[in-house]
Amino acid sequence: MKRKLVAIATATICMAGTVNFPALAASKFADINDVPWSGAAQYIDEAASLGLMAGYTENGKNLCKARNNVTYCEAVQLMYSIMSSNDSAQKVSSTVVSKWKSTMEGANIPQWAYDSIAYGLENSIISQNDIKLFVTSGNQNNARREDVAVIFGKALAKLYTVNSNAAITYNDKNNVSSTSVPYLELLNRLDLMVGDSSNNFNPKAYINRAEMAVLSTKAHNKLKGGSTPGTKTEQFTGAVKEVTTSGKDTVITVDVA
């Protein structure tokens, strides 16, 4: 029986040999089935395996808490982790952190977020006015979807073209600030952050951990040139008969007993 597989990468395979495709590993999160929508689990697991998002340990169990909201500080931290892991030159220096330390202290930014917030300020991804809204009365505020899209969009603008005259086609586009539109369009164009099944972006809604896992893994993989989770993985062994390449896709034809 012949099976065809599509690999989003260039494959180097011995034509006369065998190939073993691993099955998906079991999730390390005890609450992985408690997600906002079907399919979110694979992104949460991927984000964890990439070291982008960690879980919570409670009563001896590792939990992902996919429905929990993400704060602005956490969103900026994720953006910074992705940008600096893609290019080590993006790692913020102690000099830059010192430059913005008093500003961050004045906004009550937690110390664990200093590097990422300083990076955002130094690169005009976030402003001093922005960070005044990150923490109020000692509490970190939850991040809205529109604001997170702008944060990631401004960061990715270092690598991708932003169309200042862009338009978006979401049904609720009138609820999006005009200054945010170019960044929402960029993330949509890159297939990093899109609307829901009703074509609404829900700009003012808080972003949850499941949604953040999708954005984070997609952004990380886009910059690394890797694949995005979402395709079914099977395990079998067989002799490779043919390997053909079309664009970025490598089609592997395998004879399976």
Protein backbone atom coordinates (compact mmCIF):
# COMPACT_ATOMS: atom_id res chain seq x y z
CA MET A 1 0.00 0.00 0.00
CA LYS A 2 1.37 3.42 -0.94
CA ARG A 3 1.06 6.38 1.38
CA LYS A 4 1.89 9.98 0.53
CA LEU A 5 3.03 12.41 3.19
CA VAL A 6 3.64 16.16 2.92
CA ALA A 7 6.52 17.56 4.94
CA ILE A 8 6.84 21.34 5.26
CA ALA A 9 10.59 21.22 5.10
CA THR A 10 13.31 19.89 2.86
CA ALA A 11 13.76 16.19 3.51
CA THR A 12 17.03 14.30 3.22
CA ILE A 13 16.10 10.61 3.07
CA CYS A 14 17.84 7.45 1.92
CA MET A 15 15.76 6.21 -1.00
CA ALA A 16 16.28 2.57 -0.23
CA GLY A 17 15.84 2.89 3.51
CA THR A 18 12.92 3.05 5.88
CA VAL A 19 11.30 6.01 7.59
CA ASN A 20 9.55 6.13 10.95
CA PHE A 21 7.07 8.93 11.63
CA PRO A 22 6.49 9.48 15.38
CA ALA A 23 3.02 9.72 16.84
CA LEU A 24 1.93 12.74 18.85
CA ALA A 25 3.16 12.61 22.43
CA ALA A 26 0.72 12.67 25.31
CA SER A 27 0.12 16.09 26.81
CA LYS A 28 1.88 16.91 30.07
CA PHE A 29 -1.09 19.00 31.22
CA ALA A 30 -3.79 17.32 33.29
CA ASP A 31 -6.43 19.80 32.11
CA ILE A 32 -5.54 19.76 28.40
CA ASN A 33 -9.11 18.80 27.47
CA ASP A 34 -10.50 21.92 29.12
CA VAL A 35 -9.88 24.28 26.20
CA PRO A 36 -12.02 27.06 24.67
CA TRP A 37 -12.27 25.38 21.26
CA SER A 38 -11.39 22.12 19.56
CA GLY A 39 -7.81 22.05 18.32
CA ALA A 40 -6.36 24.43 20.90
CA ALA A 41 -4.64 21.63 22.79
CA GLN A 42 -1.99 21.01 20.15
CA TYR A 43 -0.92 24.67 20.20
CA ILE A 44 -0.75 24.69 24.00
CA ASP A 45 1.46 21.60 23.97
CA GLU A 46 3.62 23.10 21.23
CA ALA A 47 4.03 26.38 23.12
CA ALA A 48 5.10 24.43 26.20
CA SER A 49 7.57 22.27 24.26
CA LEU A 50 9.11 25.39 22.73
CA GLY A 51 9.54 26.89 26.18
CA LEU A 52 7.25 29.81 25.36
CA MET A 53 4.52 29.12 27.90
CA ALA A 54 4.76 27.24 31.19
CA GLY A 55 1.99 25.64 33.19
CA TYR A 56 0.87 25.85 36.80
CA THR A 57 1.55 23.18 39.41
CA GLU A 58 -1.38 22.65 41.76
CA ASN A 59 -2.01 19.68 44.03
CA GLY A 60 0.72 17.72 42.28
CA LYS A 61 -0.78 18.32 38.82
CA ASN A 62 0.60 20.37 35.93
CA LEU A 63 -2.16 22.58 34.57
CA CYS A 64 -2.28 24.77 31.46
CA LYS A 65 -5.41 26.77 32.43
CA ALA A 66 -6.18 27.49 28.81
CA ARG A 67 -9.17 29.70 29.57
CA ASN A 68 -7.23 32.10 31.82
CA ASN A 69 -6.59 35.59 30.53
CA VAL A 70 -3.09 36.82 29.66
CA THR A 71 -1.78 40.09 31.10
CA TYR A 72 -0.04 42.85 29.14
CA CYS A 73 3.26 42.08 30.86
CA GLU A 74 2.94 38.42 29.91
CA ALA A 75 2.07 39.30 26.30
CA VAL A 76 5.11 41.55 25.95
CA GLN A 77 7.28 38.87 27.57
CA LEU A 78 6.10 36.32 24.98
CA MET A 79 6.77 38.74 22.14
CA TYR A 80 10.27 39.40 23.44
CA SER A 81 11.01 35.69 23.93
CA ILE A 82 10.06 34.97 20.33
CA MET A 83 12.03 37.87 18.85
CA SER A 84 15.17 37.22 20.92
CA SER A 85 15.11 33.45 20.34
CA ASN A 86 14.92 34.07 16.59
CA ASP A 87 17.81 36.57 16.66
CA SER A 88 20.15 36.68 19.65
CA ALA A 89 21.11 40.24 18.65
CA GLN A 90 17.63 41.27 19.79
CA LYS A 91 18.41 40.37 23.39
CA VAL A 92 18.24 43.52 25.44
CA SER A 93 21.39 44.76 27.15
CA SER A 94 21.73 45.74 30.78
CA THR A 95 22.40 49.28 29.57
CA VAL A 96 19.00 49.45 27.89
CA VAL A 97 17.28 48.01 30.95
CA SER A 98 19.00 50.61 33.15
CA LYS A 99 17.93 53.35 30.74
CA TRP A 100 14.26 52.47 31.22
CA LYS A 101 14.40 51.27 34.83
CA SER A 102 12.99 54.42 36.43
CA THR A 103 10.20 54.52 33.85
CA MET A 104 9.29 50.91 34.58
CA GLU A 105 9.46 51.46 38.32
CA GLY A 106 7.14 54.44 37.95
CA ALA A 107 4.64 52.22 36.12
CA ASN A 108 4.96 49.45 38.76
CA ILE A 109 6.17 46.92 36.19
CA PRO A 110 7.23 43.66 37.92
CA GLN A 111 10.97 43.05 37.83
CA TRP A 112 10.63 39.75 35.95
CA ALA A 113 9.29 41.73 32.98
CA TYR A 114 12.01 44.39 32.94
CA ASP A 115 13.96 42.93 30.00
CA SER A 116 10.92 42.52 27.78
CA ILE A 117 9.34 45.88 28.64
CA ALA A 118 12.68 47.66 28.14
CA TYR A 119 13.00 45.94 24.76
CA GLY A 120 9.52 47.09 23.80
CA LEU A 121 10.19 50.68 24.89
CA GLU A 122 13.59 50.85 23.22
CA ASN A 123 12.18 49.60 19.91
CA SER A 124 9.00 51.74 20.00
CA ILE A 125 6.83 48.63 20.18
CA ILE A 126 5.17 50.00 23.30
CA SER A 127 5.15 53.53 24.68
CA GLN A 128 5.52 55.04 28.13
CA ASN A 129 1.80 55.81 28.06
CA ASP A 130 1.08 52.18 27.19
CA ILE A 131 2.87 50.74 30.20
CA LYS A 132 0.97 53.02 32.56
CA LEU A 133 -2.03 50.82 31.78
CA PHE A 134 -0.22 47.51 32.34
CA VAL A 135 -0.46 47.62 36.13
CA THR A 136 -3.01 49.54 38.22
CA SER A 137 -3.40 49.47 41.99
CA GLY A 138 -0.76 46.75 42.15
CA ASN A 139 -2.68 44.42 39.82
CA GLN A 140 -1.54 43.39 36.36
CA ASN A 141 -4.24 44.13 33.81
CA ASN A 142 -5.48 41.63 31.25
CA ALA A 143 -4.54 42.30 27.63
CA ARG A 144 -7.07 42.95 24.89
CA ARG A 145 -6.79 41.14 21.56
CA GLU A 146 -6.35 44.34 19.58
CA ASP A 147 -3.53 45.57 21.81
CA VAL A 148 -1.71 42.23 21.62
CA ALA A 149 -2.01 42.27 17.83
CA VAL A 150 -0.43 45.72 17.76
CA ILE A 151 2.41 44.63 20.07
CA PHE A 152 3.24 41.62 17.92
CA GLY A 153 2.64 43.56 14.70
CA LYS A 154 5.06 46.31 15.66
CA ALA A 155 7.68 43.73 16.63
CA LEU A 156 7.28 41.84 13.36
CA ALA A 157 7.44 45.10 11.42
CA LYS A 158 11.20 44.73 11.84
CA LEU A 159 11.03 41.80 9.42
CA TYR A 160 7.84 42.21 7.39
CA THR A 161 6.31 45.09 5.46
CA VAL A 162 3.48 46.95 7.16
CA ASN A 163 0.92 48.48 4.82
CA SER A 164 -0.02 51.88 6.23
CA ASN A 165 -3.06 51.94 3.92
CA ALA A 166 -4.19 48.44 4.85
CA ALA A 167 -7.83 47.44 5.23
CA ILE A 168 -9.37 44.61 7.21
CA THR A 169 -12.55 42.72 6.42
CA TYR A 170 -13.68 41.57 9.85
CA ASN A 171 -17.39 42.06 10.52
CA ASP A 172 -16.52 44.09 13.61
CA LYS A 173 -13.82 46.17 11.90
CA ASN A 174 -15.52 49.37 13.02
CA ASN A 175 -14.58 48.47 16.60
CA VAL A 176 -10.87 48.49 15.71
CA SER A 177 -8.85 51.71 16.13
CA SER A 178 -7.65 53.06 12.78
CA THR A 179 -4.04 53.09 14.02
CA SER A 180 -4.27 49.37 14.80
CA VAL A 181 -5.53 48.29 11.37
CA PRO A 182 -2.11 47.96 9.65
CA TYR A 183 -0.89 45.59 12.38
CA LEU A 184 -4.06 43.49 12.41
CA GLU A 185 -3.77 43.21 8.64
CA LEU A 186 -0.13 42.12 8.91
CA LEU A 187 -0.95 39.37 11.41
CA ASN A 188 -3.87 38.23 9.25
CA ARG A 189 -1.67 38.23 6.14
CA LEU A 190 0.91 36.09 7.93
CA ASP A 191 -1.86 33.81 9.27
CA LEU A 192 -0.76 34.47 12.84
CA MET A 193 -3.91 36.01 14.28
CA VAL A 194 -7.25 35.91 12.49
CA GLY A 195 -10.97 36.23 13.23
CA ASP A 196 -13.33 33.69 14.68
CA SER A 197 -15.71 31.39 12.79
CA SER A 198 -18.11 34.33 12.33
CA ASN A 199 -15.32 36.53 10.92
CA ASN A 200 -15.19 38.74 14.01
CA PHE A 201 -11.87 39.81 15.47
CA ASN A 202 -13.29 40.71 18.91
CA PRO A 203 -10.73 43.49 19.39
CA LYS A 204 -11.81 44.56 22.86
CA ALA A 205 -12.06 41.03 24.29
CA TYR A 206 -9.31 39.79 26.59
CA ILE A 207 -6.94 37.28 25.04
CA ASN A 208 -6.76 33.93 26.83
CA ARG A 209 -3.89 31.49 27.19
CA ALA A 210 -5.16 29.21 24.43
CA GLU A 211 -5.31 32.09 21.96
CA MET A 212 -1.89 33.25 23.10
CA ALA A 213 -0.50 29.76 22.53
CA VAL A 214 -1.72 29.87 18.93
CA LEU A 215 -0.22 33.30 18.27
CA SER A 216 3.05 32.44 19.99
CA THR A 217 3.67 29.11 18.26
CA LYS A 218 2.67 30.47 14.85
CA ALA A 219 4.91 33.53 15.25
CA HIS A 220 7.82 31.41 16.50
CA ASN A 221 7.48 28.91 13.67
CA LYS A 222 7.05 31.65 11.06
CA LEU A 223 10.33 33.24 12.10
CA LYS A 224 12.10 29.90 12.33
CA GLY A 225 10.71 28.74 8.99
CA GLY A 226 9.10 25.71 10.66
CA SER A 227 5.68 24.14 10.44
CA THR A 228 2.60 24.99 12.43
CA PRO A 229 0.87 22.31 14.49
CA GLY A 230 -2.46 21.17 13.16
CA THR A 231 -1.93 18.21 10.87
CA LYS A 232 -2.48 14.63 11.91
CA THR A 233 0.68 12.65 12.63
CA GLU A 234 0.84 8.90 12.10
CA GLN A 235 3.45 6.29 12.91
CA PHE A 236 4.45 3.60 10.46
CA THR A 237 7.52 2.11 8.80
CA GLY A 238 7.97 1.58 5.09
CA ALA A 239 10.37 1.81 2.17
CA VAL A 240 10.63 5.25 0.60
CA LYS A 241 9.91 4.96 -3.13
CA GLU A 242 9.84 8.55 -4.27
CA VAL A 243 10.57 12.04 -2.97
CA THR A 244 9.37 15.05 -4.95
CA THR A 245 9.47 18.72 -4.05
CA SER A 246 7.04 21.46 -4.99
CA GLY A 247 7.76 24.87 -3.50
CA LYS A 248 8.23 24.42 0.25
CA ASP A 249 6.44 21.05 0.32
CA THR A 250 8.23 17.74 0.10
CA VAL A 251 5.97 14.81 -0.92
CA ILE A 252 7.24 11.43 0.27
CA THR A 253 5.74 8.29 -1.26
CA VAL A 254 6.19 5.26 1.00
CA ASP A 255 5.32 1.57 0.49
CA VAL A 256 3.75 0.36 3.71
CA ALA A 257 3.14 -3.29 4.44
